[in-house]
Structure formats: C-alpha cells, structure tokens
Full PDB file with SEQRES, HELIX, SHEET, SSBOND, CRYST1, ORIGX, SCALE, CONECT and MASTER records, all heavy atoms in Angstrom:
SEQRES   1 A   33  GLY LYS ALA ASP TRP GLN ILE TYR THR TYR ALA TYR SER          
SEQRES   2 A   33  LYS HIS THR PHE THR ASN PRO GLU SER LYS ASP TYR ASN          
SEQRES   3 A   33  PRO VAL MET ALA LYS ARG ALA                                  
HELIX    1 AA1 PRO A   27  ARG A   32  1                                   6    
CRYST1    1.000    1.000    1.000  90.00  90.00  90.00 P 1           1          
ORIGX1      1.000000  0.000000  0.000000        0.00000                         
ORIGX2      0.000000  1.000000  0.000000        0.00000                         
ORIGX3      0.000000  0.000000  1.000000        0.00000                         
SCALE1      1.000000  0.000000  0.000000        0.00000                         
SCALE2      0.000000  1.000000  0.000000        0.00000                         
SCALE3      0.000000  0.000000  1.000000        0.00000                         
ATOM      1  N   GLY A   1     -59.707-117.381  54.924  1.00  0.00           N  
ATOM      2  CA  GLY A   1     -59.116-118.605  54.430  1.00  0.00           C  
ATOM      3  C   GLY A   1     -57.782-118.927  55.031  1.00  0.00           C  
ATOM      4  O   GLY A   1     -57.158-119.921  54.648  1.00  0.00           O  
ATOM      5  N   LYS A   2     -57.303-118.070  55.953  1.00  0.00           N  
ATOM      6  CA  LYS A   2     -56.011-118.271  56.635  1.00  0.00           C  
ATOM      7  C   LYS A   2     -54.867-118.321  55.634  1.00  0.00           C  
ATOM      8  O   LYS A   2     -53.902-119.074  55.796  1.00  0.00           O  
ATOM      9  CB  LYS A   2     -56.021-119.544  57.490  1.00  0.00           C  
ATOM     10  CG  LYS A   2     -57.163-119.635  58.496  1.00  0.00           C  
ATOM     11  CD  LYS A   2     -57.135-118.494  59.498  1.00  0.00           C  
ATOM     12  CE  LYS A   2     -58.258-118.638  60.527  1.00  0.00           C  
ATOM     13  NZ  LYS A   2     -58.314-117.479  61.464  1.00  0.00           N  
ATOM     14  N   ALA A   3     -54.961-117.509  54.588  1.00  0.00           N  
ATOM     15  CA  ALA A   3     -53.952-117.526  53.532  1.00  0.00           C  
ATOM     16  C   ALA A   3     -52.718-116.751  53.945  1.00  0.00           C  
ATOM     17  O   ALA A   3     -52.761-115.818  54.766  1.00  0.00           O  
ATOM     18  CB  ALA A   3     -54.531-116.921  52.256  1.00  0.00           C  
ATOM     19  N   ASP A   4     -51.583-117.116  53.343  1.00  0.00           N  
ATOM     20  CA  ASP A   4     -50.348-116.333  53.395  1.00  0.00           C  
ATOM     21  C   ASP A   4     -50.422-115.399  52.183  1.00  0.00           C  
ATOM     22  O   ASP A   4     -50.195-115.821  51.056  1.00  0.00           O  
ATOM     23  CB  ASP A   4     -49.172-117.282  53.317  1.00  0.00           C  
ATOM     24  CG  ASP A   4     -47.820-116.551  53.300  1.00  0.00           C  
ATOM     25  OD1 ASP A   4     -47.794-115.334  53.054  1.00  0.00           O  
ATOM     26  OD2 ASP A   4     -46.788-117.212  53.514  1.00  0.00           O  
ATOM     27  N   TRP A   5     -50.780-114.143  52.422  1.00  0.00           N  
ATOM     28  CA  TRP A   5     -51.046-113.257  51.299  1.00  0.00           C  
ATOM     29  C   TRP A   5     -50.334-111.919  51.432  1.00  0.00           C  
ATOM     30  O   TRP A   5     -49.951-111.500  52.525  1.00  0.00           O  
ATOM     31  CB  TRP A   5     -52.555-113.009  51.123  1.00  0.00           C  
ATOM     32  CG  TRP A   5     -53.207-112.248  52.266  1.00  0.00           C  
ATOM     33  CD1 TRP A   5     -53.781-112.772  53.392  1.00  0.00           C  
ATOM     34  CD2 TRP A   5     -53.349-110.831  52.402  1.00  0.00           C  
ATOM     35  NE1 TRP A   5     -54.274-111.792  54.216  1.00  0.00           N  
ATOM     36  CE2 TRP A   5     -54.028-110.589  53.627  1.00  0.00           C  
ATOM     37  CE3 TRP A   5     -52.997-109.754  51.615  1.00  0.00           C  
ATOM     38  CZ2 TRP A   5     -54.359-109.297  54.073  1.00  0.00           C  
ATOM     39  CZ3 TRP A   5     -53.295-108.462  52.048  1.00  0.00           C  
ATOM     40  CH2 TRP A   5     -53.978-108.249  53.275  1.00  0.00           C  
ATOM     41  N   GLN A   6     -50.192-111.247  50.295  1.00  0.00           N  
ATOM     42  CA  GLN A   6     -49.676-109.877  50.270  1.00  0.00           C  
ATOM     43  C   GLN A   6     -50.189-109.182  49.029  1.00  0.00           C  
ATOM     44  O   GLN A   6     -50.474-109.816  48.001  1.00  0.00           O  
ATOM     45  CB  GLN A   6     -48.143-109.877  50.302  1.00  0.00           C  
ATOM     46  CG  GLN A   6     -47.464-110.629  49.180  1.00  0.00           C  
ATOM     47  CD  GLN A   6     -45.993-110.841  49.437  1.00  0.00           C  
ATOM     48  OE1 GLN A   6     -45.279-109.917  49.816  1.00  0.00           O  
ATOM     49  NE2 GLN A   6     -45.511-112.058  49.230  1.00  0.00           N  
ATOM     50  N   ILE A   7     -50.293-107.856  49.141  1.00  0.00           N  
ATOM     51  CA  ILE A   7     -50.749-107.026  48.012  1.00  0.00           C  
ATOM     52  C   ILE A   7     -49.726-105.916  47.790  1.00  0.00           C  
ATOM     53  O   ILE A   7     -49.369-105.202  48.724  1.00  0.00           O  
ATOM     54  CB  ILE A   7     -52.132-106.411  48.290  1.00  0.00           C  
ATOM     55  CG1 ILE A   7     -53.207-107.490  48.424  1.00  0.00           C  
ATOM     56  CG2 ILE A   7     -52.511-105.447  47.160  1.00  0.00           C  
ATOM     57  CD1 ILE A   7     -54.578-106.962  48.764  1.00  0.00           C  
ATOM     58  N   TYR A   8     -49.278-105.800  46.536  1.00  0.00           N  
ATOM     59  CA  TYR A   8     -48.511-104.629  46.113  1.00  0.00           C  
ATOM     60  C   TYR A   8     -49.445-103.750  45.290  1.00  0.00           C  
ATOM     61  O   TYR A   8     -50.121-104.232  44.371  1.00  0.00           O  
ATOM     62  CB  TYR A   8     -47.313-105.040  45.254  1.00  0.00           C  
ATOM     63  CG  TYR A   8     -46.189-105.692  45.989  1.00  0.00           C  
ATOM     64  CD1 TYR A   8     -45.824-107.014  45.702  1.00  0.00           C  
ATOM     65  CD2 TYR A   8     -45.458-105.003  46.962  1.00  0.00           C  
ATOM     66  CE1 TYR A   8     -44.779-107.623  46.364  1.00  0.00           C  
ATOM     67  CE2 TYR A   8     -44.415-105.616  47.639  1.00  0.00           C  
ATOM     68  CZ  TYR A   8     -44.078-106.922  47.328  1.00  0.00           C  
ATOM     69  OH  TYR A   8     -43.048-107.535  48.007  1.00  0.00           O  
ATOM     70  N   THR A   9     -49.468-102.474  45.620  1.00  0.00           N  
ATOM     71  CA  THR A   9     -50.286-101.517  44.875  1.00  0.00           C  
ATOM     72  C   THR A   9     -49.346-100.537  44.157  1.00  0.00           C  
ATOM     73  O   THR A   9     -48.470 -99.952  44.797  1.00  0.00           O  
ATOM     74  CB  THR A   9     -51.245-100.751  45.794  1.00  0.00           C  
ATOM     75  OG1 THR A   9     -52.058-101.697  46.482  1.00  0.00           O  
ATOM     76  CG2 THR A   9     -52.135 -99.809  45.007  1.00  0.00           C  
ATOM     77  N   TYR A  10     -49.542-100.360  42.863  1.00  0.00           N  
ATOM     78  CA  TYR A  10     -48.638 -99.584  42.047  1.00  0.00           C  
ATOM     79  C   TYR A  10     -49.245 -98.221  41.688  1.00  0.00           C  
ATOM     80  O   TYR A  10     -50.307 -98.134  41.055  1.00  0.00           O  
ATOM     81  CB  TYR A  10     -48.284-100.369  40.762  1.00  0.00           C  
ATOM     82  CG  TYR A  10     -47.635-101.679  41.110  1.00  0.00           C  
ATOM     83  CD1 TYR A  10     -48.410-102.840  41.275  1.00  0.00           C  
ATOM     84  CD2 TYR A  10     -46.277-101.759  41.349  1.00  0.00           C  
ATOM     85  CE1 TYR A  10     -47.837-104.052  41.633  1.00  0.00           C  
ATOM     86  CE2 TYR A  10     -45.679-102.973  41.724  1.00  0.00           C  
ATOM     87  CZ  TYR A  10     -46.456-104.108  41.864  1.00  0.00           C  
ATOM     88  OH  TYR A  10     -45.889-105.286  42.240  1.00  0.00           O  
ATOM     89  N   ALA A  11     -48.575 -97.168  42.136  1.00  0.00           N  
ATOM     90  CA  ALA A  11     -49.087 -95.815  41.990  1.00  0.00           C  
ATOM     91  C   ALA A  11     -49.170 -95.385  40.529  1.00  0.00           C  
ATOM     92  O   ALA A  11     -48.391 -95.828  39.696  1.00  0.00           O  
ATOM     93  CB  ALA A  11     -48.181 -94.841  42.760  1.00  0.00           C  
ATOM     94  N   TYR A  12     -50.148 -94.532  40.254  1.00  0.00           N  
ATOM     95  CA  TYR A  12     -50.321 -93.917  38.916  1.00  0.00           C  
ATOM     96  C   TYR A  12     -50.422 -94.992  37.817  1.00  0.00           C  
ATOM     97  O   TYR A  12     -49.983 -94.775  36.692  1.00  0.00           O  
ATOM     98  CB  TYR A  12     -49.172 -92.964  38.619  1.00  0.00           C  
ATOM     99  CG  TYR A  12     -48.856 -92.028  39.760  1.00  0.00           C  
ATOM    100  CD1 TYR A  12     -47.679 -92.131  40.480  1.00  0.00           C  
ATOM    101  CD2 TYR A  12     -49.791 -91.050  40.135  1.00  0.00           C  
ATOM    102  CE1 TYR A  12     -47.426 -91.288  41.563  1.00  0.00           C  
ATOM    103  CE2 TYR A  12     -49.523 -90.183  41.213  1.00  0.00           C  
ATOM    104  CZ  TYR A  12     -48.356 -90.316  41.918  1.00  0.00           C  
ATOM    105  OH  TYR A  12     -48.081 -89.496  42.975  1.00  0.00           O  
ATOM    106  N   SER A  13     -51.003 -96.098  38.147  1.00  0.00           N  
ATOM    107  CA  SER A  13     -51.090 -97.201  37.200  1.00  0.00           C  
ATOM    108  C   SER A  13     -52.548 -97.593  36.963  1.00  0.00           C  
ATOM    109  O   SER A  13     -53.296 -97.793  37.902  1.00  0.00           O  
ATOM    110  CB  SER A  13     -50.323 -98.432  37.732  1.00  0.00           C  
ATOM    111  OG  SER A  13     -48.955 -98.132  37.861  1.00  0.00           O  
ATOM    112  N   LYS A  14     -52.884 -97.708  35.673  1.00  0.00           N  
ATOM    113  CA  LYS A  14     -54.206 -98.156  35.284  1.00  0.00           C  
ATOM    114  C   LYS A  14     -54.187 -99.654  35.000  1.00  0.00           C  
ATOM    115  O   LYS A  14     -53.171-100.321  35.215  1.00  0.00           O  
ATOM    116  CB  LYS A  14     -54.699 -97.351  34.089  1.00  0.00           C  
ATOM    117  CG  LYS A  14     -54.883 -95.867  34.416  1.00  0.00           C  
ATOM    118  CD  LYS A  14     -55.414 -95.088  33.231  1.00  0.00           C  
ATOM    119  CE  LYS A  14     -55.610 -93.619  33.593  1.00  0.00           C  
ATOM    120  NZ  LYS A  14     -56.131 -92.837  32.455  1.00  0.00           N  
ATOM    121  N   HIS A  15     -55.321-100.183  34.501  1.00  0.00           N  
ATOM    122  CA  HIS A  15     -55.548-101.623  34.481  1.00  0.00           C  
ATOM    123  C   HIS A  15     -54.386-102.443  33.900  1.00  0.00           C  
ATOM    124  O   HIS A  15     -53.761-103.227  34.605  1.00  0.00           O  
ATOM    125  CB  HIS A  15     -56.840-101.923  33.739  1.00  0.00           C  
ATOM    126  CG  HIS A  15     -57.161-103.386  33.648  1.00  0.00           C  
ATOM    127  ND1 HIS A  15     -57.199-104.198  34.748  1.00  0.00           N  
ATOM    128  CD2 HIS A  15     -57.423-104.164  32.569  1.00  0.00           C  
ATOM    129  CE1 HIS A  15     -57.506-105.437  34.364  1.00  0.00           C  
ATOM    130  NE2 HIS A  15     -57.621-105.441  33.059  1.00  0.00           N  
ATOM    131  N   THR A  16     -54.060-102.251  32.623  1.00  0.00           N  
ATOM    132  CA  THR A  16     -53.073-103.121  31.964  1.00  0.00           C  
ATOM    133  C   THR A  16     -51.682-102.487  31.997  1.00  0.00           C  
ATOM    134  O   THR A  16     -50.990-102.394  30.992  1.00  0.00           O  
ATOM    135  CB  THR A  16     -53.508-103.437  30.514  1.00  0.00           C  
ATOM    136  OG1 THR A  16     -53.863-102.224  29.860  1.00  0.00           O  
ATOM    137  CG2 THR A  16     -54.704-104.356  30.531  1.00  0.00           C  
ATOM    138  N   PHE A  17     -51.256-102.083  33.182  1.00  0.00           N  
ATOM    139  CA  PHE A  17     -50.023-101.302  33.322  1.00  0.00           C  
ATOM    140  C   PHE A  17     -48.758-102.086  33.008  1.00  0.00           C  
ATOM    141  O   PHE A  17     -47.705-101.497  32.758  1.00  0.00           O  
ATOM    142  CB  PHE A  17     -49.928-100.717  34.742  1.00  0.00           C  
ATOM    143  CG  PHE A  17     -49.527-101.705  35.806  1.00  0.00           C  
ATOM    144  CD1 PHE A  17     -48.247-101.677  36.338  1.00  0.00           C  
ATOM    145  CD2 PHE A  17     -50.423-102.643  36.293  1.00  0.00           C  
ATOM    146  CE1 PHE A  17     -47.854-102.553  37.345  1.00  0.00           C  
ATOM    147  CE2 PHE A  17     -50.058-103.527  37.304  1.00  0.00           C  
ATOM    148  CZ  PHE A  17     -48.771-103.498  37.815  1.00  0.00           C  
ATOM    149  N   THR A  18     -48.825-103.413  32.967  1.00  0.00           N  
ATOM    150  CA  THR A  18     -47.628-104.214  32.686  1.00  0.00           C  
ATOM    151  C   THR A  18     -47.462-104.554  31.214  1.00  0.00           C  
ATOM    152  O   THR A  18     -46.444-105.133  30.822  1.00  0.00           O  
ATOM    153  CB  THR A  18     -47.665-105.527  33.484  1.00  0.00           C  
ATOM    154  OG1 THR A  18     -48.805-106.300  33.069  1.00  0.00           O  
ATOM    155  CG2 THR A  18     -47.724-105.271  34.987  1.00  0.00           C  
ATOM    156  N   ASN A  19     -48.438-104.218  30.388  1.00  0.00           N  
ATOM    157  CA  ASN A  19     -48.426-104.629  28.983  1.00  0.00           C  
ATOM    158  C   ASN A  19     -47.872-103.522  28.095  1.00  0.00           C  
ATOM    159  O   ASN A  19     -48.488-102.472  27.945  1.00  0.00           O  
ATOM    160  CB  ASN A  19     -49.850-104.974  28.544  1.00  0.00           C  
ATOM    161  CG  ASN A  19     -49.889-105.619  27.175  1.00  0.00           C  
ATOM    162  OD1 ASN A  19     -48.926-105.542  26.397  1.00  0.00           O  
ATOM    163  ND2 ASN A  19     -50.987-106.277  26.846  1.00  0.00           N  
ATOM    164  N   PRO A  20     -46.690-103.738  27.476  1.00  0.00           N  
ATOM    165  CA  PRO A  20     -46.087-102.688  26.627  1.00  0.00           C  
ATOM    166  C   PRO A  20     -46.963-102.289  25.443  1.00  0.00           C  
ATOM    167  O   PRO A  20     -46.778-101.207  24.890  1.00  0.00           O  
ATOM    168  CB  PRO A  20     -44.796-103.351  26.142  1.00  0.00           C  
ATOM    169  CG  PRO A  20     -44.497-104.398  27.156  1.00  0.00           C  
ATOM    170  CD  PRO A  20     -45.840-104.913  27.607  1.00  0.00           C  
ATOM    171  N   GLU A  21     -47.913-103.122  25.056  1.00  0.00           N  
ATOM    172  CA  GLU A  21     -48.775-102.810  23.912  1.00  0.00           C  
ATOM    173  C   GLU A  21     -50.014-102.010  24.323  1.00  0.00           C  
ATOM    174  O   GLU A  21     -50.825-101.654  23.470  1.00  0.00           O  
ATOM    175  CB  GLU A  21     -49.200-104.096  23.219  1.00  0.00           C  
ATOM    176  CG  GLU A  21     -48.027-104.880  22.625  1.00  0.00           C  
ATOM    177  CD  GLU A  21     -48.457-106.180  21.968  1.00  0.00           C  
ATOM    178  OE1 GLU A  21     -49.670-106.462  21.925  1.00  0.00           O  
ATOM    179  OE2 GLU A  21     -47.569-106.908  21.506  1.00  0.00           O  
ATOM    180  N   SER A  22     -50.170-101.761  25.623  1.00  0.00           N  
ATOM    181  CA  SER A  22     -51.356-101.069  26.127  1.00  0.00           C  
ATOM    182  C   SER A  22     -51.088 -99.584  26.332  1.00  0.00           C  
ATOM    183  O   SER A  22     -49.973 -99.182  26.686  1.00  0.00           O  
ATOM    184  CB  SER A  22     -51.797-101.690  27.453  1.00  0.00           C  
ATOM    185  OG  SER A  22     -52.777-100.899  28.081  1.00  0.00           O  
ATOM    186  N   LYS A  23     -52.119 -98.764  26.153  1.00  0.00           N  
ATOM    187  CA  LYS A  23     -51.997 -97.344  26.446  1.00  0.00           C  
ATOM    188  C   LYS A  23     -51.813 -97.101  27.936  1.00  0.00           C  
ATOM    189  O   LYS A  23     -51.402 -96.025  28.362  1.00  0.00           O  
ATOM    190  CB  LYS A  23     -53.238 -96.587  25.926  1.00  0.00           C  
ATOM    191  CG  LYS A  23     -54.557 -97.039  26.537  1.00  0.00           C  
ATOM    192  CD  LYS A  23     -55.726 -96.270  25.975  1.00  0.00           C  
ATOM    193  CE  LYS A  23     -57.069 -96.772  26.509  1.00  0.00           C  
ATOM    194  NZ  LYS A  23     -57.176 -96.712  27.964  1.00  0.00           N  
ATOM    195  N   ASP A  24     -52.130 -98.086  28.761  1.00  0.00           N  
ATOM    196  CA  ASP A  24     -51.970 -97.992  30.208  1.00  0.00           C  
ATOM    197  C   ASP A  24     -50.563 -98.337  30.685  1.00  0.00           C  
ATOM    198  O   ASP A  24     -50.280 -98.254  31.871  1.00  0.00           O  
ATOM    199  CB  ASP A  24     -52.951 -98.933  30.925  1.00  0.00           C  
ATOM    200  CG  ASP A  24     -54.401 -98.533  30.733  1.00  0.00           C  
ATOM    201  OD1 ASP A  24     -54.645 -97.386  30.326  1.00  0.00           O  
ATOM    202  OD2 ASP A  24     -55.284 -99.389  30.990  1.00  0.00           O  
ATOM    203  N   TYR A  25     -49.689 -98.714  29.765  1.00  0.00           N  
ATOM    204  CA  TYR A  25     -48.370 -99.206  30.148  1.00  0.00           C  
ATOM    205  C   TYR A  25     -47.597 -98.193  30.965  1.00  0.00           C  
ATOM    206  O   TYR A  25     -47.468 -97.020  30.599  1.00  0.00           O  
ATOM    207  CB  TYR A  25     -47.578 -99.562  28.899  1.00  0.00           C  
ATOM    208  CG  TYR A  25     -46.203-100.130  29.142  1.00  0.00           C  
ATOM    209  CD1 TYR A  25     -46.023-101.243  29.958  1.00  0.00           C  
ATOM    210  CD2 TYR A  25     -45.076 -99.576  28.523  1.00  0.00           C  
ATOM    211  CE1 TYR A  25     -44.778-101.781  30.170  1.00  0.00           C  
ATOM    212  CE2 TYR A  25     -43.822-100.116  28.726  1.00  0.00           C  
ATOM    213  CZ  TYR A  25     -43.665-101.218  29.564  1.00  0.00           C  
ATOM    214  OH  TYR A  25     -42.423-101.743  29.768  1.00  0.00           O  
ATOM    215  N   ASN A  26     -47.103 -98.658  32.106  1.00  0.00           N  
ATOM    216  CA  ASN A  26     -46.268 -97.836  32.990  1.00  0.00           C  
ATOM    217  C   ASN A  26     -44.942 -98.577  33.171  1.00  0.00           C  
ATOM    218  O   ASN A  26     -44.845 -99.489  33.992  1.00  0.00           O  
ATOM    219  CB  ASN A  26     -46.974 -97.644  34.350  1.00  0.00           C  
ATOM    220  CG  ASN A  26     -46.198 -96.727  35.290  1.00  0.00           C  
ATOM    221  OD1 ASN A  26     -44.980 -96.698  35.275  1.00  0.00           O  
ATOM    222  ND2 ASN A  26     -46.920 -95.998  36.113  1.00  0.00           N  
ATOM    223  N   PRO A  27     -43.913 -98.205  32.401  1.00  0.00           N  
ATOM    224  CA  PRO A  27     -42.679 -99.014  32.390  1.00  0.00           C  
ATOM    225  C   PRO A  27     -41.985 -99.101  33.737  1.00  0.00           C  
ATOM    226  O   PRO A  27     -41.418-100.150  34.057  1.00  0.00           O  
ATOM    227  CB  PRO A  27     -41.809 -98.297  31.346  1.00  0.00           C  
ATOM    228  CG  PRO A  27     -42.387 -96.923  31.205  1.00  0.00           C  
ATOM    229  CD  PRO A  27     -43.848 -97.077  31.453  1.00  0.00           C  
ATOM    230  N   VAL A  28     -42.021 -98.047  34.514  1.00  0.00           N  
ATOM    231  CA  VAL A  28     -41.362 -98.068  35.831  1.00  0.00           C  
ATOM    232  C   VAL A  28     -42.059 -99.062  36.744  1.00  0.00           C  
ATOM    233  O   VAL A  28     -41.422 -99.927  37.375  1.00  0.00           O  
ATOM    234  CB  VAL A  28     -41.356 -96.662  36.469  1.00  0.00           C  
ATOM    235  CG1 VAL A  28     -40.839 -96.726  37.902  1.00  0.00           C  
ATOM    236  CG2 VAL A  28     -40.483 -95.715  35.652  1.00  0.00           C  
ATOM    237  N   MET A  29     -43.390 -98.959  36.828  1.00  0.00           N  
ATOM    238  CA  MET A  29     -44.138 -99.852  37.700  1.00  0.00           C  
ATOM    239  C   MET A  29     -44.167-101.280  37.158  1.00  0.00           C  
ATOM    240  O   MET A  29     -44.173-102.235  37.938  1.00  0.00           O  
ATOM    241  CB  MET A  29     -45.551 -99.323  37.905  1.00  0.00           C  
ATOM    242  CG  MET A  29     -45.595 -97.987  38.618  1.00  0.00           C  
ATOM    243  SD  MET A  29     -44.865 -98.090  40.282  1.00  0.00           S  
ATOM    244  CE  MET A  29     -44.931 -96.366  40.782  1.00  0.00           C  
ATOM    245  N   ALA A  30     -44.166-101.435  35.842  1.00  0.00           N  
ATOM    246  CA  ALA A  30     -44.139-102.762  35.244  1.00  0.00           C  
ATOM    247  C   ALA A  30     -42.839-103.484  35.614  1.00  0.00           C  
ATOM    248  O   ALA A  30     -42.850-104.682  35.940  1.00  0.00           O  
ATOM    249  CB  ALA A  30     -44.285-102.679  33.747  1.00  0.00           C  
ATOM    250  N   LYS A  31     -41.732-102.764  35.588  1.00  0.00           N  
ATOM    251  CA  LYS A  31     -40.443-103.353  35.955  1.00  0.00           C  
ATOM    252  C   LYS A  31     -40.453-103.783  37.423  1.00  0.00           C  
ATOM    253  O   LYS A  31     -39.992-104.852  37.786  1.00  0.00           O  
ATOM    254  CB  LYS A  31     -39.319-102.356  35.691  1.00  0.00           C  
ATOM    255  CG  LYS A  31     -37.939-102.910  35.982  1.00  0.00           C  
ATOM    256  CD  LYS A  31     -36.852-101.883  35.655  1.00  0.00           C  
ATOM    257  CE  LYS A  31     -35.463-102.462  35.948  1.00  0.00           C  
ATOM    258  NZ  LYS A  31     -34.399-101.470  35.633  1.00  0.00           N  
ATOM    259  N   ARG A  32     -41.001-102.919  38.274  1.00  0.00           N  
ATOM    260  CA  ARG A  32     -41.080-103.265  39.695  1.00  0.00           C  
ATOM    261  C   ARG A  32     -41.964-104.481  39.913  1.00  0.00           C  
ATOM    262  O   ARG A  32     -41.640-105.371  40.727  1.00  0.00           O  
ATOM    263  CB  ARG A  32     -41.610-102.076  40.498  1.00  0.00           C  
ATOM    264  CG  ARG A  32     -40.665-100.898  40.562  1.00  0.00           C  
ATOM    265  CD  ARG A  32     -41.270 -99.751  41.347  1.00  0.00           C  
ATOM    266  NE  ARG A  32     -40.397 -98.571  41.288  1.00  0.00           N  
ATOM    267  CZ  ARG A  32     -40.711 -97.378  41.785  1.00  0.00           C  
ATOM    268  NH1 ARG A  32     -41.902 -97.214  42.357  1.00  0.00           N  
ATOM    269  NH2 ARG A  32     -39.888 -96.365  41.686  1.00  0.00           N  
ATOM    270  N   ALA A  33     -43.097-104.528  39.217  1.00  0.00           N  
ATOM    271  CA  ALA A  33     -44.007-105.649  39.375  1.00  0.00           C  
ATOM    272  C   ALA A  33     -43.328-106.946  38.962  1.00  0.00           C  
ATOM    273  O   ALA A  33     -43.515-107.999  39.609  1.00  0.00           O  
ATOM    274  CB  ALA A  33     -45.267-105.428  38.554  1.00  0.00           C  
TER     275      ALA A  33                                                      
MASTER        0    0    0    1    0    0    0    6  274    1    0    3          
END                                                                             
C-alpha cells in the first residue's frame, strides 16, 4: 500500500499490556508505548 509505517514491539508484554486493570499490565512498557 506504499504506507509510511512503523512497528514498535514491546518485550515481555502480553495482549492488554497498556491497561492498568488487566493482569497483562506492564507499567514500564505501557509508559514507553
């Protein structure tokens, strides 16, 4: 599609890593994201 794209991949992080209410929450990676 000739997109201007980028991917950040967050180590040791499961699906809902940005959600403080989730068991998957990773505060360090959530802050970076």
